[in-house]
Amino acid sequence: MIKPILHIVIMLVLVFLFSSGISVQFKPFHISFSYPVFGVGIVFIAIGIALCCGNTYYKGMNENGYSDGYKKGFDRGVGYVIEYVKKKNETKSEHSDD
């Protein structure tokens, strides 16, 4: 659980650094941000979009009963693929016997 959170924090810091106009000077070692408010705004927008999209996705799955449907659909799909492969192998073996 900590690893995805760490990746998200690192990505948000990088978004802030790249969008805030950072300039680094090494001689007297000076770091300055040209547009720090813009960078913070972009980070807040990214967090807000992620929260809204995630909330909508999980709310829709739970309220509409899709979470159970996904499992049933996955199981049916796996069964269909297995039957299809078996039929393909049977027809291939019939043609190779000729």
C-alpha atoms as a PDB file:
ATOM      1  CA  MET A   1       0.000   0.000   0.000  1.00  0.00           C
ATOM      2  CA  ILE A   2       2.887   2.351   0.678  1.00  0.00           C
ATOM      3  CA  LYS A   3       4.528   1.782  -2.714  1.00  0.00           C
ATOM      4  CA  PRO A   4       1.631   3.187  -4.841  1.00  0.00           C
ATOM      5  CA  ILE A   5       1.264   6.142  -2.483  1.00  0.00           C
ATOM      6  CA  LEU A   6       4.986   6.846  -2.763  1.00  0.00           C
ATOM      7  CA  HIS A   7       4.768   6.734  -6.578  1.00  0.00           C
ATOM      8  CA  ILE A   8       1.819   9.132  -6.567  1.00  0.00           C
ATOM      9  CA  VAL A   9       3.601  11.592  -4.271  1.00  0.00           C
ATOM     10  CA  ILE A  10       6.727  11.490  -6.430  1.00  0.00           C
ATOM     11  CA  MET A  11       4.674  12.097  -9.580  1.00  0.00           C
ATOM     12  CA  LEU A  12       2.861  15.041  -7.967  1.00  0.00           C
ATOM     13  CA  VAL A  13       6.172  16.563  -6.882  1.00  0.00           C
ATOM     14  CA  LEU A  14       7.531  16.183 -10.412  1.00  0.00           C
ATOM     15  CA  VAL A  15       4.396  17.773 -11.860  1.00  0.00           C
ATOM     16  CA  PHE A  16       4.852  20.679  -9.448  1.00  0.00           C
ATOM     17  CA  LEU A  17       8.532  21.085 -10.306  1.00  0.00           C
ATOM     18  CA  PHE A  18       8.000  21.000 -14.064  1.00  0.00           C
ATOM     19  CA  SER A  19       4.946  23.284 -14.064  1.00  0.00           C
ATOM     20  CA  SER A  20       6.231  25.912 -11.628  1.00  0.00           C
ATOM     21  CA  GLY A  21       9.188  27.069 -13.713  1.00  0.00           C
ATOM     22  CA  ILE A  22      12.045  25.910 -11.520  1.00  0.00           C
ATOM     23  CA  SER A  23      15.511  27.313 -12.027  1.00  0.00           C
ATOM     24  CA  VAL A  24      18.567  25.888 -10.299  1.00  0.00           C
ATOM     25  CA  GLN A  25      21.937  27.625 -10.026  1.00  0.00           C
ATOM     26  CA  PHE A  26      24.877  25.632  -8.756  1.00  0.00           C
ATOM     27  CA  LYS A  27      27.550  28.248  -8.130  1.00  0.00           C
ATOM     28  CA  PRO A  28      25.995  29.803  -5.012  1.00  0.00           C
ATOM     29  CA  PHE A  29      23.380  27.014  -5.132  1.00  0.00           C
ATOM     30  CA  HIS A  30      20.089  28.796  -5.516  1.00  0.00           C
ATOM     31  CA  ILE A  31      16.703  27.257  -6.336  1.00  0.00           C
ATOM     32  CA  SER A  32      13.855  29.503  -7.409  1.00  0.00           C
ATOM     33  CA  PHE A  33      10.355  28.938  -8.713  1.00  0.00           C
ATOM     34  CA  SER A  34       9.046  31.377 -11.300  1.00  0.00           C
ATOM     35  CA  TYR A  35       5.366  30.401 -10.964  1.00  0.00           C
ATOM     36  CA  PRO A  36       4.857  28.471  -7.692  1.00  0.00           C
ATOM     37  CA  VAL A  37       1.128  29.245  -7.542  1.00  0.00           C
ATOM     38  CA  PHE A  38       0.631  27.795 -11.016  1.00  0.00           C
ATOM     39  CA  GLY A  39       2.421  24.586  -9.994  1.00  0.00           C
ATOM     40  CA  VAL A  40       0.327  24.222  -6.837  1.00  0.00           C
ATOM     41  CA  GLY A  41      -2.827  24.804  -8.878  1.00  0.00           C
ATOM     42  CA  ILE A  42      -1.899  22.085 -11.364  1.00  0.00           C
ATOM     43  CA  VAL A  43      -1.193  19.649  -8.511  1.00  0.00           C
ATOM     44  CA  PHE A  44      -4.576  20.427  -6.899  1.00  0.00           C
ATOM     45  CA  ILE A  45      -6.342  19.978 -10.234  1.00  0.00           C
ATOM     46  CA  ALA A  46      -4.651  16.597 -10.725  1.00  0.00           C
ATOM     47  CA  ILE A  47      -5.640  15.460  -7.220  1.00  0.00           C
ATOM     48  CA  GLY A  48      -9.230  16.659  -7.726  1.00  0.00           C
ATOM     49  CA  ILE A  49      -9.627  14.898 -11.063  1.00  0.00           C
ATOM     50  CA  ALA A  50      -8.190  11.692  -9.642  1.00  0.00           C
ATOM     51  CA  LEU A  51     -10.526  11.779  -6.647  1.00  0.00           C
ATOM     52  CA  CYS A  52     -13.610  12.545  -8.761  1.00  0.00           C
ATOM     53  CA  CYS A  53     -12.870   9.855 -11.349  1.00  0.00           C
ATOM     54  CA  GLY A  54     -12.025   7.263  -8.718  1.00  0.00           C
ATOM     55  CA  ASN A  55     -15.111   8.041  -6.649  1.00  0.00           C
ATOM     56  CA  THR A  56     -17.401   7.870  -9.680  1.00  0.00           C
ATOM     57  CA  TYR A  57     -15.907   4.576 -10.808  1.00  0.00           C
ATOM     58  CA  TYR A  58     -16.250   2.821  -7.450  1.00  0.00           C
ATOM     59  CA  LYS A  59     -19.637   4.366  -6.659  1.00  0.00           C
ATOM     60  CA  GLY A  60     -21.013   3.156  -9.976  1.00  0.00           C
ATOM     61  CA  MET A  61     -19.648  -0.334  -9.447  1.00  0.00           C
ATOM     62  CA  ASN A  62     -21.088  -0.695  -5.958  1.00  0.00           C
ATOM     63  CA  GLU A  63     -24.495   0.951  -6.460  1.00  0.00           C
ATOM     64  CA  ASN A  64     -25.320  -0.697  -9.766  1.00  0.00           C
ATOM     65  CA  GLY A  65     -24.123  -4.145  -8.787  1.00  0.00           C
ATOM     66  CA  TYR A  66     -21.457  -4.200 -11.457  1.00  0.00           C
ATOM     67  CA  SER A  67     -18.819  -5.661  -9.176  1.00  0.00           C
ATOM     68  CA  ASP A  68     -20.615  -9.004  -9.188  1.00  0.00           C
ATOM     69  CA  GLY A  69     -21.246  -8.734 -12.927  1.00  0.00           C
ATOM     70  CA  TYR A  70     -17.573  -8.223 -13.702  1.00  0.00           C
ATOM     71  CA  LYS A  71     -16.691 -11.501 -11.986  1.00  0.00           C
ATOM     72  CA  LYS A  72     -19.486 -13.406 -13.717  1.00  0.00           C
ATOM     73  CA  GLY A  73     -18.554 -11.923 -17.090  1.00  0.00           C
ATOM     74  CA  PHE A  74     -14.899 -12.736 -16.572  1.00  0.00           C
ATOM     75  CA  ASP A  75     -15.709 -16.341 -15.644  1.00  0.00           C
ATOM     76  CA  ARG A  76     -17.985 -16.747 -18.680  1.00  0.00           C
ATOM     77  CA  GLY A  77     -15.351 -15.221 -20.925  1.00  0.00           C
ATOM     78  CA  VAL A  78     -12.681 -17.580 -19.634  1.00  0.00           C
ATOM     79  CA  GLY A  79     -15.010 -20.534 -20.156  1.00  0.00           C
ATOM     80  CA  TYR A  80     -15.785 -19.387 -23.692  1.00  0.00           C
ATOM     81  CA  VAL A  81     -12.103 -19.030 -24.561  1.00  0.00           C
ATOM     82  CA  ILE A  82     -11.295 -22.479 -23.159  1.00  0.00           C
ATOM     83  CA  GLU A  83     -14.116 -24.080 -25.186  1.00  0.00           C
ATOM     84  CA  TYR A  84     -13.006 -22.201 -28.310  1.00  0.00           C
ATOM     85  CA  VAL A  85      -9.419 -23.380 -27.928  1.00  0.00           C
ATOM     86  CA  LYS A  86     -10.588 -26.977 -27.387  1.00  0.00           C
ATOM     87  CA  LYS A  87     -12.688 -26.840 -30.576  1.00  0.00           C
ATOM     88  CA  LYS A  88      -9.767 -25.343 -32.500  1.00  0.00           C
ATOM     89  CA  ASN A  89      -7.447 -28.121 -31.291  1.00  0.00           C
ATOM     90  CA  GLU A  90     -10.006 -30.799 -32.190  1.00  0.00           C
ATOM     91  CA  THR A  91     -10.469 -29.454 -35.719  1.00  0.00           C
ATOM     92  CA  LYS A  92      -6.702 -29.081 -36.108  1.00  0.00           C
ATOM     93  CA  SER A  93      -6.142 -32.706 -35.022  1.00  0.00           C
ATOM     94  CA  GLU A  94      -8.901 -33.906 -37.404  1.00  0.00           C
ATOM     95  CA  HIS A  95      -7.281 -32.104 -40.323  1.00  0.00           C
ATOM     96  CA  SER A  96      -3.827 -33.428 -39.455  1.00  0.00           C
ATOM     97  CA  ASP A  97      -5.151 -37.033 -39.473  1.00  0.00           C
ATOM     98  CA  ASP A  98      -6.228 -36.703 -43.122  1.00  0.00           C
END
